[in-house]
């Protein structure tokens, strides 16, 4: 069971148009090249899965919600910045590490 709105393509197009219109207006004011956004339901999947993991949701739950058949697929969609990984390790170490 995967949770994806029926009109996901339409919603992505709507968001893309809003963001790109603003980008065009700003680039004219700033005299620079526009960086147009490309938004697809697939890009939201990556964001959603990463945010679920960062919120503390377990990988099995994230996989179930996302409709992934394997944990490897959930890992593929999860993008954790190095700073986040470091902070999580330090939080663990502070709680369970040896005291100096």
N, C-alpha and C. Protein backbone atom coordinates (compact mmCIF):
# COMPACT_ATOMS: atom_id res chain seq x y z
N UNK A 1 0.85 -1.17 0.00
CA UNK A 1 0.00 0.00 0.00
C UNK A 1 0.90 1.24 0.00
N UNK A 2 0.76 2.06 -1.01
CA UNK A 2 1.55 3.27 -1.14
C UNK A 2 0.62 4.47 -1.10
N UNK A 3 1.05 5.54 -0.44
CA UNK A 3 0.22 6.73 -0.32
C UNK A 3 0.70 7.79 -1.29
N UNK A 4 -0.02 7.98 -2.38
CA UNK A 4 0.32 9.00 -3.36
C UNK A 4 -0.99 9.57 -3.89
N UNK A 5 -1.16 10.89 -3.82
CA UNK A 5 -2.41 11.49 -4.30
C UNK A 5 -2.66 11.15 -5.77
N UNK A 6 -3.91 10.99 -6.12
CA UNK A 6 -4.29 10.67 -7.49
C UNK A 6 -3.82 11.76 -8.45
N UNK A 7 -3.87 13.00 -8.01
CA UNK A 7 -3.51 14.13 -8.86
C UNK A 7 -2.08 14.60 -8.63
N UNK A 8 -1.17 13.70 -8.32
CA UNK A 8 0.21 14.07 -7.98
C UNK A 8 0.89 14.83 -9.12
N UNK A 9 0.69 14.39 -10.35
CA UNK A 9 1.31 15.07 -11.50
C UNK A 9 0.82 16.51 -11.60
N UNK A 10 -0.49 16.71 -11.43
CA UNK A 10 -1.06 18.06 -11.50
C UNK A 10 -0.51 18.94 -10.38
N UNK A 11 -0.40 18.38 -9.20
CA UNK A 11 0.11 19.16 -8.06
C UNK A 11 1.57 19.54 -8.27
N UNK A 12 2.36 18.64 -8.81
CA UNK A 12 3.77 18.95 -9.11
C UNK A 12 3.86 20.06 -10.14
N UNK A 13 3.04 20.00 -11.15
CA UNK A 13 3.04 21.03 -12.19
C UNK A 13 2.65 22.38 -11.60
N UNK A 14 1.67 22.38 -10.71
CA UNK A 14 1.22 23.62 -10.06
C UNK A 14 2.36 24.23 -9.23
N UNK A 15 3.02 23.42 -8.43
CA UNK A 15 4.13 23.90 -7.59
C UNK A 15 5.27 24.40 -8.46
N UNK A 16 5.61 23.64 -9.49
CA UNK A 16 6.69 24.03 -10.39
C UNK A 16 6.40 25.38 -11.03
N UNK A 17 5.18 25.59 -11.48
CA UNK A 17 4.81 26.86 -12.12
C UNK A 17 4.92 28.04 -11.15
N UNK A 18 4.49 27.85 -9.92
CA UNK A 18 4.58 28.93 -8.92
C UNK A 18 6.04 29.28 -8.65
N UNK A 19 6.85 28.27 -8.39
CA UNK A 19 8.26 28.49 -8.06
C UNK A 19 9.01 29.10 -9.24
N UNK A 20 8.78 28.58 -10.43
CA UNK A 20 9.49 29.08 -11.61
C UNK A 20 9.07 30.50 -11.98
N UNK A 21 7.82 30.84 -11.74
CA UNK A 21 7.37 32.22 -11.99
C UNK A 21 8.10 33.18 -11.05
N UNK A 22 8.19 32.82 -9.79
CA UNK A 22 8.91 33.65 -8.81
C UNK A 22 10.39 33.75 -9.17
N UNK A 23 10.97 32.64 -9.59
CA UNK A 23 12.38 32.63 -9.98
C UNK A 23 12.61 33.57 -11.17
N UNK A 24 11.72 33.54 -12.14
CA UNK A 24 11.85 34.43 -13.30
C UNK A 24 11.78 35.89 -12.90
N UNK A 25 10.87 36.22 -12.00
CA UNK A 25 10.75 37.61 -11.53
C UNK A 25 12.01 38.05 -10.79
N UNK A 26 12.53 37.17 -9.94
CA UNK A 26 13.73 37.51 -9.16
C UNK A 26 14.96 37.66 -10.05
N UNK A 27 15.09 36.80 -11.05
CA UNK A 27 16.27 36.88 -11.91
C UNK A 27 16.30 38.16 -12.73
N UNK A 28 15.12 38.63 -13.11
CA UNK A 28 15.06 39.90 -13.84
C UNK A 28 15.54 41.04 -12.96
N UNK A 29 15.12 41.04 -11.69
CA UNK A 29 15.53 42.07 -10.73
C UNK A 29 17.03 41.99 -10.45
N UNK A 30 17.53 40.77 -10.33
CA UNK A 30 18.92 40.56 -9.93
C UNK A 30 19.89 40.46 -11.11
N UNK A 31 19.37 40.42 -12.32
CA UNK A 31 20.22 40.36 -13.50
C UNK A 31 21.05 39.09 -13.60
N UNK A 32 20.45 37.96 -13.32
CA UNK A 32 21.17 36.68 -13.39
C UNK A 32 20.35 35.67 -14.18
N UNK A 33 20.98 34.54 -14.48
CA UNK A 33 20.30 33.45 -15.20
C UNK A 33 19.30 32.76 -14.27
N UNK A 34 18.17 32.38 -14.82
CA UNK A 34 17.16 31.67 -14.04
C UNK A 34 17.57 30.22 -13.84
N UNK A 35 17.27 29.69 -12.67
CA UNK A 35 17.49 28.27 -12.36
C UNK A 35 16.12 27.64 -12.18
N UNK A 36 15.60 27.09 -13.24
CA UNK A 36 14.24 26.56 -13.21
C UNK A 36 14.18 25.22 -12.48
N UNK A 37 13.14 25.06 -11.70
CA UNK A 37 12.91 23.88 -10.89
C UNK A 37 12.19 22.82 -11.72
N UNK A 38 12.62 21.59 -11.59
CA UNK A 38 11.92 20.47 -12.21
C UNK A 38 11.36 19.61 -11.09
N UNK A 39 10.05 19.54 -10.98
CA UNK A 39 9.41 18.82 -9.89
C UNK A 39 8.59 17.66 -10.46
N UNK A 40 8.79 16.48 -9.88
CA UNK A 40 8.02 15.30 -10.27
C UNK A 40 7.55 14.60 -9.00
N UNK A 41 6.53 13.76 -9.09
CA UNK A 41 6.13 12.99 -7.90
C UNK A 41 7.31 12.18 -7.35
N UNK A 42 8.18 11.74 -8.25
CA UNK A 42 9.35 10.96 -7.84
C UNK A 42 10.27 11.77 -6.93
N UNK A 43 10.46 13.06 -7.24
CA UNK A 43 11.33 13.89 -6.39
C UNK A 43 10.73 14.07 -5.00
N UNK A 44 9.40 14.12 -4.93
CA UNK A 44 8.75 14.22 -3.62
C UNK A 44 8.92 12.93 -2.82
N UNK A 45 9.00 11.80 -3.50
CA UNK A 45 9.22 10.53 -2.80
C UNK A 45 10.54 10.55 -2.05
N UNK A 46 11.58 11.04 -2.71
CA UNK A 46 12.89 11.13 -2.06
C UNK A 46 12.81 12.02 -0.82
N UNK A 47 12.18 13.18 -0.97
CA UNK A 47 12.05 14.12 0.15
C UNK A 47 11.24 13.50 1.28
N UNK A 48 10.11 12.90 0.94
CA UNK A 48 9.23 12.31 1.95
C UNK A 48 9.93 11.21 2.74
N UNK A 49 10.58 10.29 2.04
CA UNK A 49 11.26 9.18 2.71
C UNK A 49 12.37 9.70 3.61
N UNK A 50 13.15 10.66 3.13
CA UNK A 50 14.23 11.23 3.94
C UNK A 50 13.67 11.88 5.20
N UNK A 51 12.61 12.65 5.05
CA UNK A 51 12.01 13.32 6.22
C UNK A 51 11.43 12.31 7.21
N UNK A 52 10.85 11.24 6.73
CA UNK A 52 10.33 10.20 7.63
C UNK A 52 11.46 9.61 8.47
N UNK A 53 12.57 9.28 7.82
CA UNK A 53 13.71 8.69 8.52
C UNK A 53 14.27 9.70 9.52
N UNK A 54 14.43 10.95 9.10
CA UNK A 54 14.98 11.98 9.99
C UNK A 54 14.07 12.24 11.19
N UNK A 55 12.78 12.00 11.04
CA UNK A 55 11.85 12.23 12.15
C UNK A 55 11.92 11.11 13.18
N UNK A 56 12.64 10.02 12.84
CA UNK A 56 12.77 8.91 13.77
C UNK A 56 11.91 7.71 13.42
N UNK A 57 11.18 7.78 12.32
CA UNK A 57 10.35 6.66 11.90
C UNK A 57 11.25 5.49 11.49
N UNK A 58 10.90 4.31 11.91
CA UNK A 58 11.70 3.13 11.59
C UNK A 58 11.66 2.79 10.11
N UNK A 59 12.73 2.18 9.60
CA UNK A 59 12.80 1.87 8.17
C UNK A 59 11.69 0.93 7.70
N UNK A 60 11.26 0.01 8.53
CA UNK A 60 10.18 -0.90 8.12
C UNK A 60 8.88 -0.13 7.91
N UNK A 61 8.61 0.82 8.79
CA UNK A 61 7.40 1.64 8.66
C UNK A 61 7.48 2.53 7.44
N UNK A 62 8.63 3.16 7.24
CA UNK A 62 8.82 4.03 6.07
C UNK A 62 8.62 3.22 4.79
N UNK A 63 9.21 2.04 4.75
CA UNK A 63 9.07 1.18 3.58
C UNK A 63 7.63 0.79 3.31
N UNK A 64 6.91 0.49 4.38
CA UNK A 64 5.50 0.09 4.24
C UNK A 64 4.67 1.25 3.69
N UNK A 65 4.86 2.44 4.25
CA UNK A 65 4.12 3.62 3.80
C UNK A 65 4.44 3.94 2.35
N UNK A 66 5.71 3.79 1.99
CA UNK A 66 6.17 4.15 0.65
C UNK A 66 5.91 3.08 -0.40
N UNK A 67 5.50 1.90 0.05
CA UNK A 67 5.23 0.81 -0.88
C UNK A 67 6.48 0.10 -1.36
N UNK A 68 7.56 0.20 -0.59
CA UNK A 68 8.81 -0.47 -0.97
C UNK A 68 8.74 -1.94 -0.59
N UNK A 69 9.25 -2.79 -1.46
CA UNK A 69 9.23 -4.23 -1.17
C UNK A 69 10.47 -4.68 -0.41
N UNK A 70 11.53 -3.84 -0.42
CA UNK A 70 12.76 -4.19 0.31
C UNK A 70 13.28 -2.98 1.07
N UNK A 71 14.06 -3.27 2.11
CA UNK A 71 14.69 -2.19 2.87
C UNK A 71 15.73 -1.46 2.02
N UNK A 72 16.35 -2.18 1.09
CA UNK A 72 17.33 -1.57 0.18
C UNK A 72 16.69 -0.43 -0.60
N UNK A 73 15.44 -0.61 -1.03
CA UNK A 73 14.75 0.43 -1.79
C UNK A 73 14.51 1.66 -0.90
N UNK A 74 14.14 1.43 0.34
CA UNK A 74 13.95 2.55 1.27
C UNK A 74 15.26 3.29 1.47
N UNK A 75 16.35 2.55 1.62
CA UNK A 75 17.67 3.17 1.77
C UNK A 75 18.03 4.00 0.54
N UNK A 76 17.67 3.52 -0.64
CA UNK A 76 17.96 4.24 -1.88
C UNK A 76 17.28 5.62 -1.89
N UNK A 77 16.09 5.69 -1.35
CA UNK A 77 15.33 6.95 -1.34
C UNK A 77 15.71 7.86 -0.18
N UNK A 78 16.52 7.38 0.74
CA UNK A 78 16.89 8.17 1.92
C UNK A 78 18.20 8.90 1.66
N UNK A 79 18.18 10.22 1.83
CA UNK A 79 19.37 11.04 1.59
C UNK A 79 19.69 11.81 2.87
N UNK A 80 20.69 11.35 3.61
CA UNK A 80 21.07 11.99 4.87
C UNK A 80 22.39 12.73 4.69
N UNK A 81 22.38 14.01 5.01
CA UNK A 81 23.59 14.82 4.90
C UNK A 81 24.60 14.37 5.96
N UNK A 82 25.88 14.57 5.66
CA UNK A 82 26.95 14.16 6.58
C UNK A 82 26.78 14.82 7.95
N UNK A 83 26.38 16.09 7.97
CA UNK A 83 26.18 16.79 9.24
C UNK A 83 25.11 16.13 10.10
N UNK A 84 24.05 15.66 9.47
CA UNK A 84 22.98 14.98 10.19
C UNK A 84 23.49 13.67 10.80
N UNK A 85 24.23 12.91 10.00
CA UNK A 85 24.78 11.64 10.48
C UNK A 85 25.71 11.89 11.67
N UNK A 86 26.56 12.91 11.57
CA UNK A 86 27.48 13.25 12.65
C UNK A 86 26.71 13.64 13.92
N UNK A 87 25.69 14.47 13.77
CA UNK A 87 24.88 14.89 14.92
C UNK A 87 24.20 13.70 15.59
N UNK A 88 23.68 12.78 14.78
CA UNK A 88 23.02 11.59 15.33
C UNK A 88 24.02 10.72 16.09
N UNK A 89 25.23 10.57 15.54
CA UNK A 89 26.25 9.79 16.24
C UNK A 89 26.61 10.45 17.56
N UNK A 90 26.80 11.76 17.55
CA UNK A 90 27.16 12.48 18.77
C UNK A 90 26.06 12.39 19.82
N UNK A 91 24.81 12.41 19.38
CA UNK A 91 23.68 12.26 20.31
C UNK A 91 23.72 10.87 20.94
N UNK A 92 23.99 9.86 20.14
CA UNK A 92 24.12 8.50 20.65
C UNK A 92 25.29 8.39 21.62
N UNK A 93 26.44 8.92 21.20
CA UNK A 93 27.66 8.84 22.01
C UNK A 93 27.48 9.54 23.35
N UNK A 94 26.79 10.65 23.35
CA UNK A 94 26.54 11.40 24.59
C UNK A 94 25.69 10.56 25.55
N UNK A 95 24.75 9.82 25.00
CA UNK A 95 23.85 9.03 25.83
C UNK A 95 24.48 7.70 26.27
N UNK A 96 25.20 7.04 25.37
CA UNK A 96 25.69 5.69 25.65
C UNK A 96 27.21 5.54 25.66
N UNK A 97 27.94 6.56 25.22
CA UNK A 97 29.40 6.46 25.13
C UNK A 97 30.07 6.47 26.49
N UNK A 98 31.35 6.10 26.49
CA UNK A 98 32.13 6.13 27.74
C UNK A 98 32.34 7.56 28.19
N UNK A 99 32.29 7.75 29.48
CA UNK A 99 32.61 9.07 30.02
C UNK A 99 34.12 9.18 30.14
N UNK A 100 34.63 10.32 29.72
CA UNK A 100 36.09 10.52 29.77
C UNK A 100 36.53 11.00 31.12
